[in-house]
């Protein structure tokens, strides 16, 4: 008897292994996702028609054929969830760390396990946090992943998946979350007859025992955006800082990946891989327009006064979940810190509502060791997860 596939039954597993048969608990992680995930591969279909003149019978038919299978497009949303890992639980970690590796890690032999450092992430102890940087991301090929969507009794494997973009949402009435999206070479349907045990991984690879993948831990906490704070300092005017109390905002990290598909006649062309484009790290902050030299009104006035500066230079830190300085007694956990030492700020746009607001757009920029803007560098952003000290 046929059964329905319910979205509530979905499980998602992300692995650095290329095939199902090589997935183990050292290279495969369960990643809890929210409703609204998607994965699909569209086809290019070409139709040939004819048009004849004459009286009586004429040809009026058409012929359709598939020319290519487009790259698989996938997306999923996760909460930002710091946690303690290692054995014993003495290393700051994150449930979604494997996706950060895909976003910022080079396509090299990956050593990430449940306790060791990866290509882009560095696990830390209390006060140090788990950090993610982009120092290995100046490459044309990022880390390839396998994503398995287990939708009830239907299982699908997205092969050679690349993480193209991560968008962090700072809506103040929500839990901090990240929307991940990217591409893959194709979707492989996992035959039901090879399932075994619980969870139902293929018997050709994972055995279904408790140690076949790193399960999502229960020891993680949620980040409350309502507690988020912002540090904004003018690098061109040392000591000048501004207070921005967020009412919303977002941060987007985009690899601008492009996939290539051949155009050979007479066959159904398949994608043959992708490569990175410009790394763009940008976002926006929404806040109320407040009077005062260090408030948003002062920031707007200063930027309007300094119209001749080509590139504004601000140190921007967004503390999702609250916290000012890890070395300070006022440091609050759990939180995720987005540190951008050099950002270009656009002149805030005024939003006329019952309470006047402003929208501040920013772009994170790479710099050399002397602080000069340099396109060859890759230090625009560092993300640090701090778990709950308790």
Protein backbone atom coordinates (compact mmCIF):
# COMPACT_ATOMS: atom_id res chain seq x y z
CA UNK A 1 0.00 0.00 0.00
CA UNK A 2 1.30 3.44 -0.90
CA UNK A 3 2.14 5.81 1.93
CA UNK A 4 2.41 9.57 1.95
CA UNK A 5 5.67 11.44 2.58
CA UNK A 6 5.23 14.02 5.33
CA UNK A 7 7.48 17.03 5.76
CA UNK A 8 7.45 16.49 9.54
CA UNK A 9 9.27 13.19 9.02
CA UNK A 10 12.22 14.80 7.22
CA UNK A 11 15.78 14.12 8.32
CA UNK A 12 18.79 15.70 6.64
CA UNK A 13 22.33 14.30 6.72
CA UNK A 14 25.39 16.13 5.40
CA UNK A 15 28.62 14.30 4.67
CA UNK A 16 32.08 14.91 3.27
CA UNK A 17 31.96 11.41 1.77
CA UNK A 18 31.29 11.28 -1.95
CA UNK A 19 29.27 8.05 -1.87
CA UNK A 20 26.75 6.45 0.45
CA UNK A 21 29.01 3.48 0.88
CA UNK A 22 31.79 5.57 2.48
CA UNK A 23 29.64 7.50 4.96
CA UNK A 24 30.55 6.93 8.61
CA UNK A 25 30.01 8.68 11.92
CA UNK A 26 33.34 10.44 11.33
CA UNK A 27 32.26 12.20 8.14
CA UNK A 28 28.47 12.39 8.28
CA UNK A 29 26.31 14.67 10.44
CA UNK A 30 22.61 14.96 11.08
CA UNK A 31 21.57 18.61 10.56
CA UNK A 32 18.12 19.58 11.90
CA UNK A 33 16.30 21.78 9.38
CA UNK A 34 13.18 23.94 9.39
CA UNK A 35 10.13 23.70 7.19
CA UNK A 36 10.64 25.19 3.74
CA UNK A 37 13.63 23.19 2.51
CA UNK A 38 13.81 22.38 -1.20
CA UNK A 39 15.81 20.35 -3.71
CA UNK A 40 15.09 20.04 -7.40
CA UNK A 41 16.71 19.55 -10.80
CA UNK A 42 14.95 21.04 -13.80
CA UNK A 43 15.39 19.82 -17.36
CA UNK A 44 15.87 21.83 -20.52
CA UNK A 45 13.35 20.73 -23.15
CA UNK A 46 13.48 21.87 -26.76
CA UNK A 47 10.47 21.64 -29.05
CA UNK A 48 10.72 21.46 -32.87
CA UNK A 49 7.70 22.47 -34.93
CA UNK A 50 6.97 22.65 -38.64
CA UNK A 51 4.81 24.96 -40.70
CA UNK A 52 3.80 24.01 -44.26
CA UNK A 53 1.80 25.85 -46.86
CA UNK A 54 -0.65 24.16 -49.18
CA UNK A 55 -4.17 22.87 -49.67
CA UNK A 56 -5.18 19.60 -48.09
CA UNK A 57 -3.03 17.53 -45.75
CA UNK A 58 -0.05 19.36 -44.19
CA UNK A 59 2.37 18.49 -41.39
CA UNK A 60 1.30 20.06 -38.09
CA UNK A 61 3.07 17.93 -35.51
CA UNK A 62 5.87 18.71 -33.10
CA UNK A 63 8.85 16.90 -31.60
CA UNK A 64 10.13 17.46 -28.06
CA UNK A 65 13.38 16.25 -26.59
CA UNK A 66 15.45 16.85 -23.47
CA UNK A 67 18.73 18.65 -24.10
CA UNK A 68 20.16 18.89 -20.59
CA UNK A 69 19.62 18.30 -16.91
CA UNK A 70 20.30 21.52 -15.02
CA UNK A 71 22.37 21.49 -11.82
CA UNK A 72 20.43 20.53 -8.72
CA UNK A 73 19.38 23.51 -6.64
CA UNK A 74 18.92 22.97 -2.92
CA UNK A 75 18.15 25.12 0.11
CA UNK A 76 17.52 24.60 3.80
CA UNK A 77 17.20 26.70 6.92
CA UNK A 78 18.81 25.89 10.26
CA UNK A 79 18.92 27.61 13.61
CA UNK A 80 22.29 28.87 14.84
CA UNK A 81 23.04 26.45 17.63
CA UNK A 82 26.29 26.61 19.62
CA UNK A 83 27.04 23.45 21.54
CA UNK A 84 29.74 21.69 23.49
CA UNK A 85 31.49 18.83 21.73
CA UNK A 86 34.54 16.65 22.12
CA UNK A 87 35.14 13.99 24.71
CA UNK A 88 34.49 15.08 27.36
CA UNK A 89 32.36 18.08 26.34
CA UNK A 90 35.22 20.56 26.41
CA UNK A 91 35.21 22.05 22.89
CA UNK A 92 32.96 24.80 21.61
CA UNK A 93 31.19 23.53 18.52
CA UNK A 94 28.09 24.14 16.39
CA UNK A 95 25.42 21.75 15.16
CA UNK A 96 25.64 23.20 11.63
CA UNK A 97 29.46 23.36 11.50
CA UNK A 98 29.67 21.06 8.47
CA UNK A 99 27.72 23.61 6.39
CA UNK A 100 30.16 26.37 7.37
CA UNK A 101 32.92 24.07 6.15
CA UNK A 102 31.18 23.80 2.80
CA UNK A 103 30.73 27.57 2.60
CA UNK A 104 34.31 28.51 3.47
CA UNK A 105 36.50 25.41 3.11
CA UNK A 106 38.72 24.50 0.17
CA UNK A 107 38.14 21.30 -1.80
CA UNK A 108 40.95 19.35 -0.18
CA UNK A 109 41.28 16.25 1.97
CA UNK A 110 38.87 17.10 4.76
CA UNK A 111 39.82 16.15 8.31
CA UNK A 112 36.68 17.38 10.05
CA UNK A 113 35.30 14.91 12.59
CA UNK A 114 33.06 15.25 15.60
CA UNK A 115 36.00 16.54 17.66
CA UNK A 116 38.80 17.71 15.36
CA UNK A 117 39.31 20.96 13.52
CA UNK A 118 38.17 21.33 9.95
CA UNK A 119 39.35 23.41 7.04
CA UNK A 120 37.46 26.56 7.95
CA UNK A 121 36.46 26.04 11.58
CA UNK A 122 38.52 25.98 14.74
CA UNK A 123 37.10 24.46 17.90
CA UNK A 124 37.77 26.29 21.15
CA UNK A 125 37.36 25.99 24.89
CA UNK A 126 35.30 28.22 27.19
CA UNK A 127 35.80 31.88 26.30
CA UNK A 128 37.47 31.05 22.98
CA UNK A 129 34.45 29.73 21.13
CA UNK A 130 34.32 27.93 17.81
CA UNK A 131 35.51 30.24 15.05
CA UNK A 132 34.90 30.13 11.31
CA UNK A 133 37.10 32.13 8.95
CA UNK A 134 37.51 32.40 5.19
CA UNK A 135 41.30 32.11 5.03
CA UNK A 136 41.10 28.94 2.90
CA UNK A 137 38.33 30.16 0.63
CA UNK A 138 40.35 31.98 -2.06
CA UNK A 139 40.05 28.97 -4.36
CA UNK A 140 38.04 28.07 -7.44
CA UNK A 141 36.79 24.82 -5.90
CA UNK A 142 35.18 24.72 -2.48
CA UNK A 143 34.59 21.63 -0.38
CA UNK A 144 32.15 19.22 -2.02
CA UNK A 145 29.50 17.69 0.20
CA UNK A 146 26.88 14.97 0.00
CA UNK A 147 23.42 15.89 1.23
CA UNK A 148 20.89 13.16 1.98
CA UNK A 149 17.24 14.19 2.33
CA UNK A 150 15.31 11.47 4.10
CA UNK A 151 11.67 12.34 3.48
CA UNK A 152 9.70 9.63 5.20
CA UNK A 153 10.20 6.48 3.12
CA UNK A 154 11.75 8.38 0.22
CA UNK A 155 15.47 9.09 0.35
CA UNK A 156 17.41 11.34 -2.02
CA UNK A 157 21.15 11.94 -2.33
CA UNK A 158 22.35 15.29 -3.72
CA UNK A 159 25.85 14.56 -5.03
CA UNK A 160 28.82 16.95 -5.25
CA UNK A 161 26.88 19.63 -3.40
CA UNK A 162 28.41 23.08 -3.11
CA UNK A 163 27.31 25.67 -0.56
CA UNK A 164 26.76 28.85 -2.52
CA UNK A 165 25.19 31.19 0.00
CA UNK A 166 24.35 31.64 3.66
CA UNK A 167 21.89 34.32 4.76
CA UNK A 168 21.67 35.12 8.47
CA UNK A 169 18.43 36.65 9.68
CA UNK A 170 18.36 39.08 12.62
CA UNK A 171 14.59 39.49 12.96
CA UNK A 172 14.24 40.54 16.59
CA UNK A 173 11.13 38.47 17.33
CA UNK A 174 12.69 35.23 16.09
CA UNK A 175 15.38 32.69 16.86
CA UNK A 176 18.59 33.38 14.94
CA UNK A 177 18.68 31.25 11.82
CA UNK A 178 20.66 30.70 8.63
CA UNK A 179 19.25 29.94 5.20
CA UNK A 180 21.74 27.84 3.24
CA UNK A 181 21.51 27.34 -0.51
CA UNK A 182 23.64 25.89 -3.24
CA UNK A 183 23.98 23.50 -6.13
CA UNK A 184 24.73 19.85 -6.76
CA UNK A 185 25.56 17.71 -9.76
CA UNK A 186 22.45 15.54 -9.57
CA UNK A 187 19.83 13.90 -7.37
CA UNK A 188 20.04 10.15 -6.83
CA UNK A 189 16.99 8.31 -5.54
CA UNK A 190 18.02 5.74 -2.94
CA UNK A 191 16.24 2.40 -3.64
CA UNK A 192 13.96 1.29 -0.83
CA UNK A 193 15.06 -2.33 -1.10
CA UNK A 194 18.53 -1.55 0.25
CA UNK A 195 17.37 0.14 3.45
CA UNK A 196 18.01 -1.53 6.73
CA UNK A 197 17.66 -0.82 10.42
CA UNK A 198 16.96 2.50 12.09
CA UNK A 199 17.85 5.06 10.84
CA UNK A 200 17.32 3.69 7.36
CA UNK A 201 20.65 4.24 5.74
CA UNK A 202 21.53 2.00 2.78
CA UNK A 203 23.03 -1.34 3.80
CA UNK A 204 25.76 -0.80 1.23
CA UNK A 205 27.16 1.91 3.45
CA UNK A 206 25.84 2.88 6.86
CA UNK A 207 24.55 -0.10 8.74
CA UNK A 208 21.71 1.52 10.65
CA UNK A 209 23.37 1.11 14.04
CA UNK A 210 23.67 3.97 16.52
CA UNK A 211 27.15 4.93 15.31
CA UNK A 212 26.55 5.36 11.60
CA UNK A 213 26.47 9.14 11.70
CA UNK A 214 26.97 11.96 14.20
CA UNK A 215 23.48 12.57 15.51
CA UNK A 216 22.29 16.09 16.23
CA UNK A 217 23.08 16.59 19.93
CA UNK A 218 20.51 17.53 22.53
CA UNK A 219 22.99 19.82 24.33
CA UNK A 220 22.56 22.95 22.26
CA UNK A 221 20.74 26.19 22.84
CA UNK A 222 18.96 28.73 20.66
CA UNK A 223 20.12 32.27 19.96
CA UNK A 224 17.49 34.91 20.74
CA UNK A 225 17.73 37.83 18.33
CA UNK A 226 15.90 40.10 20.76
CA UNK A 227 19.08 40.21 22.85
CA UNK A 228 21.41 41.07 19.95
CA UNK A 229 23.73 44.07 20.15
CA UNK A 230 25.94 45.92 17.68
CA UNK A 231 29.37 47.53 18.05
CA UNK A 232 30.15 50.10 15.32
CA UNK A 233 33.44 52.01 15.38
CA UNK A 234 34.81 54.46 12.82
CA UNK A 235 38.31 53.27 11.86
CA UNK A 236 39.09 56.66 10.28
CA UNK A 237 38.28 58.42 13.53
CA UNK A 238 39.73 56.38 16.41
CA UNK A 239 37.52 56.40 19.46
CA UNK A 240 34.35 57.31 17.60
CA UNK A 241 31.72 54.65 18.10
CA UNK A 242 27.99 54.43 17.65
CA UNK A 243 25.17 52.57 19.34
CA UNK A 244 22.81 50.71 17.02
CA UNK A 245 19.88 48.91 18.64
CA UNK A 246 18.66 46.58 15.92
CA UNK A 247 15.04 46.28 14.91
CA UNK A 248 16.00 43.81 12.16
CA UNK A 249 18.61 43.03 9.58
CA UNK A 250 20.45 40.35 7.69
CA UNK A 251 23.94 39.28 6.65
CA UNK A 252 24.59 37.44 3.38
CA UNK A 253 27.70 35.48 2.41
CA UNK A 254 27.63 34.64 -1.29
CA UNK A 255 30.21 32.57 -3.19
CA UNK A 256 28.59 33.33 -6.58
CA UNK A 257 29.12 29.75 -7.75
CA UNK A 258 28.55 28.94 -11.42
CA UNK A 259 27.88 25.44 -12.74
CA UNK A 260 28.82 24.28 -16.22
CA UNK A 261 26.69 22.04 -18.42
CA UNK A 262 27.87 20.81 -21.88
CA UNK A 263 25.80 21.37 -25.03
CA UNK A 264 26.53 18.22 -27.03
CA UNK A 265 23.90 17.28 -29.64
CA UNK A 266 22.06 13.97 -29.49
CA UNK A 267 22.49 13.30 -25.78
CA UNK A 268 21.02 14.50 -22.48
CA UNK A 269 23.80 16.68 -21.14
CA UNK A 270 24.69 16.44 -17.46
CA UNK A 271 26.30 19.13 -15.23
CA UNK A 272 30.05 18.71 -14.95
CA UNK A 273 30.85 20.80 -11.87
CA UNK A 274 31.02 24.36 -10.66
CA UNK A 275 33.49 27.02 -9.62
CA UNK A 276 33.45 30.05 -7.37
CA UNK A 277 33.00 33.68 -8.35
CA UNK A 278 33.43 36.82 -6.27
CA UNK A 279 32.99 36.30 -2.54
CA UNK A 280 30.43 38.87 -1.40
CA UNK A 281 29.80 39.56 2.28
CA UNK A 282 27.17 42.21 2.73
CA UNK A 283 24.06 43.00 4.70
CA UNK A 284 21.81 45.58 6.21
CA UNK A 285 20.78 46.74 9.67
CA UNK A 286 17.45 48.29 10.60
CA UNK A 287 17.19 50.59 13.60
CA UNK A 288 15.21 53.53 14.91
CA UNK A 289 16.46 57.04 14.14
CA UNK A 290 17.59 58.34 17.52
CA UNK A 291 19.11 61.69 18.43
CA UNK A 292 22.59 61.93 19.92
CA UNK A 293 26.16 62.08 18.68
CA UNK A 294 26.72 58.33 19.13
CA UNK A 295 23.23 57.21 18.13
CA UNK A 296 21.93 56.52 14.63
CA UNK A 297 21.12 60.20 14.17
CA UNK A 298 24.76 61.07 14.84
CA UNK A 299 25.93 58.38 12.44
CA UNK A 300 23.67 59.71 9.71
CA UNK A 301 24.86 63.28 10.31
CA UNK A 302 28.54 62.27 10.21
CA UNK A 303 28.15 60.31 6.97
CA UNK A 304 26.24 63.17 5.35
CA UNK A 305 29.01 65.55 6.40
CA UNK A 306 31.77 63.34 4.98
CA UNK A 307 30.57 62.92 1.40
CA UNK A 308 34.05 63.05 -0.17
CA UNK A 309 35.36 59.81 1.36
CA UNK A 310 35.25 57.14 -1.34
CA UNK A 311 35.33 54.15 1.01
CA UNK A 312 34.04 54.47 4.55
CA UNK A 313 35.86 52.22 7.01
CA UNK A 314 34.02 50.92 10.06
CA UNK A 315 34.70 48.08 12.47
CA UNK A 316 31.36 46.25 12.74
CA UNK A 317 30.57 43.55 15.28
CA UNK A 318 27.13 41.96 15.47
CA UNK A 319 26.53 39.96 18.64
CA UNK A 320 23.60 37.67 17.89
CA UNK A 321 22.19 36.74 21.27
CA UNK A 322 23.94 39.54 23.21
CA UNK A 323 27.44 40.02 24.57
CA UNK A 324 30.07 42.74 24.26
CA UNK A 325 33.53 41.35 24.90
CA UNK A 326 34.49 37.72 25.64
CA UNK A 327 37.02 38.98 28.21
CA UNK A 328 34.43 41.10 30.00
CA UNK A 329 32.31 40.03 32.98
CA UNK A 330 29.34 41.34 30.99
CA UNK A 331 29.90 38.76 28.27
CA UNK A 332 26.66 36.88 27.71
CA UNK A 333 26.31 33.39 26.27
CA UNK A 334 25.12 31.68 24.25
CA UNK A 335 25.81 33.98 21.32
CA UNK A 336 27.28 34.08 17.83
CA UNK A 337 29.66 36.94 17.02
CA UNK A 338 30.03 38.23 13.46
CA UNK A 339 33.21 40.33 13.39
CA UNK A 340 33.93 42.45 10.32
CA UNK A 341 36.98 44.65 11.03
CA UNK A 342 36.56 46.74 7.87
CA UNK A 343 33.17 47.49 6.37
CA UNK A 344 31.99 50.16 3.98
CA UNK A 345 28.77 51.81 5.14
CA UNK A 346 26.28 53.41 2.81
CA UNK A 347 24.46 56.55 3.91
CA UNK A 348 21.50 55.31 5.97
CA UNK A 349 18.14 55.41 4.24
CA UNK A 350 15.35 57.01 6.27
CA UNK A 351 12.15 54.98 6.60
CA UNK A 352 9.16 57.20 7.37
CA UNK A 353 6.81 55.29 9.66
CA UNK A 354 5.09 55.93 13.00
CA UNK A 355 8.55 55.73 14.52
CA UNK A 356 11.18 56.98 12.08
CA UNK A 357 13.71 54.31 11.23
CA UNK A 358 16.89 53.93 9.21
CA UNK A 359 18.26 51.18 7.02
CA UNK A 360 22.05 50.87 7.02
CA UNK A 361 23.63 48.83 4.22
CA UNK A 362 27.18 47.56 4.63
CA UNK A 363 29.80 45.59 2.69
CA UNK A 364 32.67 43.75 4.40
CA UNK A 365 36.06 44.37 2.77
CA UNK A 366 39.39 42.49 2.83
CA UNK A 367 42.52 44.29 4.01
CA UNK A 368 46.25 43.65 4.19
CA UNK A 369 48.30 43.59 7.38
CA UNK A 370 48.59 47.38 7.33
CA UNK A 371 44.84 47.87 7.05
CA UNK A 372 44.86 48.80 3.39
CA UNK A 373 42.09 47.44 1.19
CA UNK A 374 43.40 44.51 -0.85
CA UNK A 375 41.33 42.23 -3.10
CA UNK A 376 43.75 39.31 -2.66
CA UNK A 377 43.05 38.95 1.05
CA UNK A 378 40.25 36.93 2.65
CA UNK A 379 39.75 38.34 6.15
CA UNK A 380 36.43 40.12 5.72
CA UNK A 381 34.59 38.11 8.35
CA UNK A 382 35.11 35.85 11.33
CA UNK A 383 32.18 34.01 12.88
CA UNK A 384 32.52 32.76 16.45
CA UNK A 385 30.05 30.50 18.28
CA UNK A 386 29.99 30.70 22.08
CA UNK A 387 28.00 27.93 23.82
CA UNK A 388 26.25 28.36 27.12
CA UNK A 389 28.81 28.21 29.95
CA UNK A 390 26.37 26.16 32.03
